[in-house]
Amino acid sequence: MPHTVGAEILSGVDGLDPVVYDPEKPLPDEAAHARVLVAPFLAGSDAVGIIEQVPNLELVQLLTAGAETWIGRLPEGVGLSDGRGAHGGATAEWVVSVLLAVYRHLDRFVRAQDRGEWDYHQTEELAGKKILIVGAGDVGQKTRPVWSPSRWRPRWSGAPPATASTAGTSCPRCCRTTTRPC
């Protein structure tokens, strides 16, 4: 959500007076009274310099799980809270999508398409692949169930798939062999 929308939501909380700032510019005068700083998303080490403009700072809230840029660089008594858990699900899905892109050579197909060429070739599939998840943090915990082989097994609704003992005739609507019409 845009930062102004977030400020509007926080404005409705008694006792809070959110101030929107641009990290590329000097902080507004209200920063002199701020006790909490919400750091810019994916802030680099240069963003830590903002804290010098917030003399009453008690807490820095990060929007990401990675806090290494800030650890050991805050004044004594200033707390640091990371965004662990905020992006684990989306990152887990990203992991699977990147693996699909790699194994299915999506980059090669897109480049061929951009050249107006058809680049038919066989690719690998994810079925049967094993991955090693290093770390047991939020992203690792969220990636495991997304990767789980049970997520990739077909699920059947309604009648079970036709077998030699249950095979029927073709459905007139979809031409699929079934024991009953769709």
Protein backbone atom coordinates (compact mmCIF):
# COMPACT_ATOMS: atom_id res chain seq x y z
CA MET A 1 0.00 0.00 0.00
CA PRO A 2 1.34 3.50 -0.71
CA HIS A 3 2.88 5.15 2.32
CA THR A 4 0.23 7.88 2.37
CA VAL A 5 -2.49 5.25 2.70
CA GLY A 6 -0.58 3.68 5.60
CA ALA A 7 -0.34 7.08 7.27
CA GLU A 8 -4.08 7.59 6.86
CA ILE A 9 -4.76 4.24 8.54
CA LEU A 10 -2.37 4.98 11.41
CA SER A 11 -3.92 8.45 11.84
CA GLY A 12 -7.04 6.71 13.09
CA VAL A 13 -5.17 5.22 16.06
CA ASP A 14 -5.45 7.28 19.24
CA GLY A 15 -2.12 8.75 20.29
CA LEU A 16 -0.41 8.33 16.92
CA ASP A 17 0.53 11.17 14.65
CA PRO A 18 2.21 9.61 11.61
CA VAL A 19 4.46 11.74 9.46
CA VAL A 20 5.20 10.74 5.88
CA TYR A 21 8.75 11.44 4.78
CA ASP A 22 10.91 11.10 1.69
CA PRO A 23 14.15 9.29 2.56
CA GLU A 24 15.90 11.17 -0.26
CA LYS A 25 15.19 14.53 1.39
CA PRO A 26 15.77 15.99 4.85
CA LEU A 27 13.18 14.80 7.33
CA PRO A 28 10.30 17.14 8.15
CA ASP A 29 10.41 19.20 11.37
CA GLU A 30 8.06 16.71 13.07
CA ALA A 31 10.92 14.18 13.08
CA ALA A 32 12.40 15.99 16.08
CA HIS A 33 9.50 14.64 18.16
CA ALA A 34 9.20 11.19 16.58
CA ARG A 35 9.85 8.15 18.74
CA VAL A 36 9.42 5.49 16.04
CA LEU A 37 10.97 5.42 12.60
CA VAL A 38 9.61 3.11 9.92
CA ALA A 39 12.64 2.61 7.70
CA PRO A 40 12.30 2.71 3.92
CA PHE A 41 11.63 -0.64 2.26
CA LEU A 42 14.89 -2.38 1.29
CA ALA A 43 16.87 0.45 2.88
CA GLY A 44 20.60 0.30 2.29
CA SER A 45 23.34 1.22 4.73
CA ASP A 46 23.06 4.91 3.78
CA ALA A 47 19.50 4.97 5.21
CA VAL A 48 20.87 4.45 8.73
CA GLY A 49 21.95 8.10 8.64
CA ILE A 50 18.30 9.10 9.02
CA ILE A 51 18.46 8.26 12.73
CA GLU A 52 20.68 11.29 13.35
CA GLN A 53 17.69 13.48 12.48
CA VAL A 54 15.41 11.75 15.02
CA PRO A 55 16.75 12.69 18.49
CA ASN A 56 13.92 11.08 20.50
CA LEU A 57 14.09 7.77 18.65
CA GLU A 58 13.08 4.70 20.65
CA LEU A 59 12.36 2.15 17.91
CA VAL A 60 13.24 1.47 14.28
CA GLN A 61 10.68 -0.69 12.47
CA LEU A 62 11.91 -2.45 9.34
CA LEU A 63 9.63 -3.61 6.55
CA THR A 64 11.94 -6.51 5.69
CA ALA A 65 13.28 -9.49 7.62
CA GLY A 66 16.92 -8.61 6.94
CA ALA A 67 18.26 -6.35 9.67
CA GLU A 68 22.01 -6.65 9.14
CA THR A 69 22.29 -3.07 7.82
CA TRP A 70 20.95 -1.73 11.14
CA ILE A 71 22.41 -4.13 13.72
CA GLY A 72 25.09 -2.45 15.82
CA ARG A 73 24.49 0.94 14.24
CA LEU A 74 21.67 2.23 16.46
CA PRO A 75 22.21 4.42 19.52
CA GLU A 76 22.08 2.78 22.94
CA GLY A 77 18.50 2.10 24.01
CA VAL A 78 16.96 2.25 20.52
CA GLY A 79 15.06 -0.94 19.69
CA LEU A 80 15.06 -2.64 16.33
CA SER A 81 12.10 -4.60 15.00
CA ASP A 82 12.29 -6.43 11.71
CA GLY A 83 9.52 -7.51 9.36
CA ARG A 84 10.03 -11.25 9.85
CA GLY A 85 6.95 -13.08 8.69
CA ALA A 86 5.62 -10.28 6.51
CA HIS A 87 6.92 -11.61 3.21
CA GLY A 88 7.50 -15.34 3.76
CA GLY A 89 4.48 -16.55 1.81
CA ALA A 90 5.15 -14.31 -1.19
CA THR A 91 8.85 -15.19 -1.16
CA ALA A 92 8.05 -18.91 -1.00
CA GLU A 93 5.85 -18.55 -4.07
CA TRP A 94 8.64 -16.58 -5.74
CA VAL A 95 11.07 -19.46 -5.08
CA VAL A 96 8.76 -21.92 -6.82
CA SER A 97 8.09 -19.55 -9.72
CA VAL A 98 11.83 -18.99 -10.27
CA LEU A 99 12.46 -22.74 -10.21
CA LEU A 100 9.69 -23.20 -12.76
CA ALA A 101 11.20 -20.45 -14.92
CA VAL A 102 14.65 -22.06 -14.76
CA TYR A 103 13.58 -25.63 -15.43
CA ARG A 104 11.09 -24.62 -18.13
CA HIS A 105 13.57 -22.18 -19.79
CA LEU A 106 11.05 -19.35 -19.75
CA ASP A 107 13.78 -16.75 -20.30
CA ARG A 108 14.88 -18.49 -23.51
CA PHE A 109 11.30 -18.70 -24.78
CA VAL A 110 10.66 -15.01 -24.04
CA ARG A 111 13.86 -13.93 -25.81
CA ALA A 112 12.87 -16.02 -28.84
CA GLN A 113 9.39 -14.52 -28.77
CA ASP A 114 10.91 -11.02 -28.68
CA ARG A 115 12.89 -11.93 -31.84
CA GLY A 116 9.70 -13.27 -33.45
CA GLU A 117 11.04 -16.82 -33.43
CA TRP A 118 9.61 -20.15 -32.32
CA ASP A 119 12.16 -21.94 -30.13
CA TYR A 120 10.65 -25.34 -29.50
CA HIS A 121 12.78 -27.59 -27.33
CA GLN A 122 12.25 -29.97 -24.45
CA THR A 123 12.62 -28.72 -20.91
CA GLU A 124 12.81 -30.30 -17.49
CA GLU A 125 9.98 -30.45 -14.98
CA LEU A 126 9.80 -29.95 -11.24
CA ALA A 127 8.26 -33.36 -10.59
CA GLY A 128 10.77 -35.54 -8.78
CA LYS A 129 13.21 -32.71 -8.05
CA LYS A 130 14.57 -32.23 -4.56
CA ILE A 131 15.56 -28.91 -3.10
CA LEU A 132 17.63 -28.05 -0.07
CA ILE A 133 16.19 -25.27 2.05
CA VAL A 134 18.99 -23.67 4.06
CA GLY A 135 17.74 -22.03 7.22
CA ALA A 136 14.64 -22.53 9.27
CA GLY A 137 13.43 -18.94 9.31
CA ASP A 138 10.11 -17.69 8.06
CA VAL A 139 10.96 -18.03 4.36
CA GLY A 140 12.23 -21.58 4.84
CA GLN A 141 9.18 -22.51 6.87
CA LYS A 142 6.83 -21.06 4.24
CA THR A 143 8.72 -22.58 1.28
CA ARG A 144 8.48 -26.16 2.48
CA PRO A 145 4.68 -26.49 2.22
CA VAL A 146 4.61 -24.59 -1.09
CA TRP A 147 7.19 -27.01 -2.48
CA SER A 148 5.64 -30.08 -0.90
CA PRO A 149 5.02 -32.82 -3.46
CA SER A 150 1.43 -33.12 -2.25
CA ARG A 151 0.81 -29.66 -3.72
CA TRP A 152 1.76 -30.95 -7.16
CA ARG A 153 -0.29 -34.15 -7.16
CA PRO A 154 -3.54 -33.92 -9.09
CA ARG A 155 -6.62 -33.65 -6.97
CA TRP A 156 -9.84 -35.16 -8.22
CA SER A 157 -13.25 -33.78 -7.52
CA GLY A 158 -16.39 -35.72 -8.14
CA ALA A 159 -15.95 -39.14 -9.73
CA PRO A 160 -12.56 -40.84 -9.52
CA PRO A 161 -10.57 -41.08 -12.76
CA ALA A 162 -11.70 -43.87 -15.08
CA THR A 163 -9.92 -47.19 -14.71
CA ALA A 164 -10.33 -50.49 -16.53
CA SER A 165 -13.04 -51.51 -14.08
CA THR A 166 -14.94 -48.19 -14.10
CA ALA A 167 -14.41 -47.04 -17.69
CA GLY A 168 -17.57 -45.80 -19.33
CA THR A 169 -18.49 -44.05 -22.54
CA SER A 170 -17.54 -40.64 -23.87
CA CYS A 171 -19.41 -37.69 -22.40
CA PRO A 172 -21.38 -35.93 -25.17
CA ARG A 173 -20.45 -32.50 -23.78
CA CYS A 174 -16.69 -32.83 -23.31
CA CYS A 175 -15.80 -36.06 -25.13
CA ARG A 176 -14.03 -37.34 -22.02
CA THR A 177 -14.34 -40.98 -21.06
CA THR A 178 -16.34 -41.06 -17.88
CA THR A 179 -18.74 -43.14 -15.88
CA ARG A 180 -21.33 -40.34 -15.94
CA PRO A 181 -21.95 -37.13 -17.96
CA CYS A 182 -20.13 -34.00 -16.82
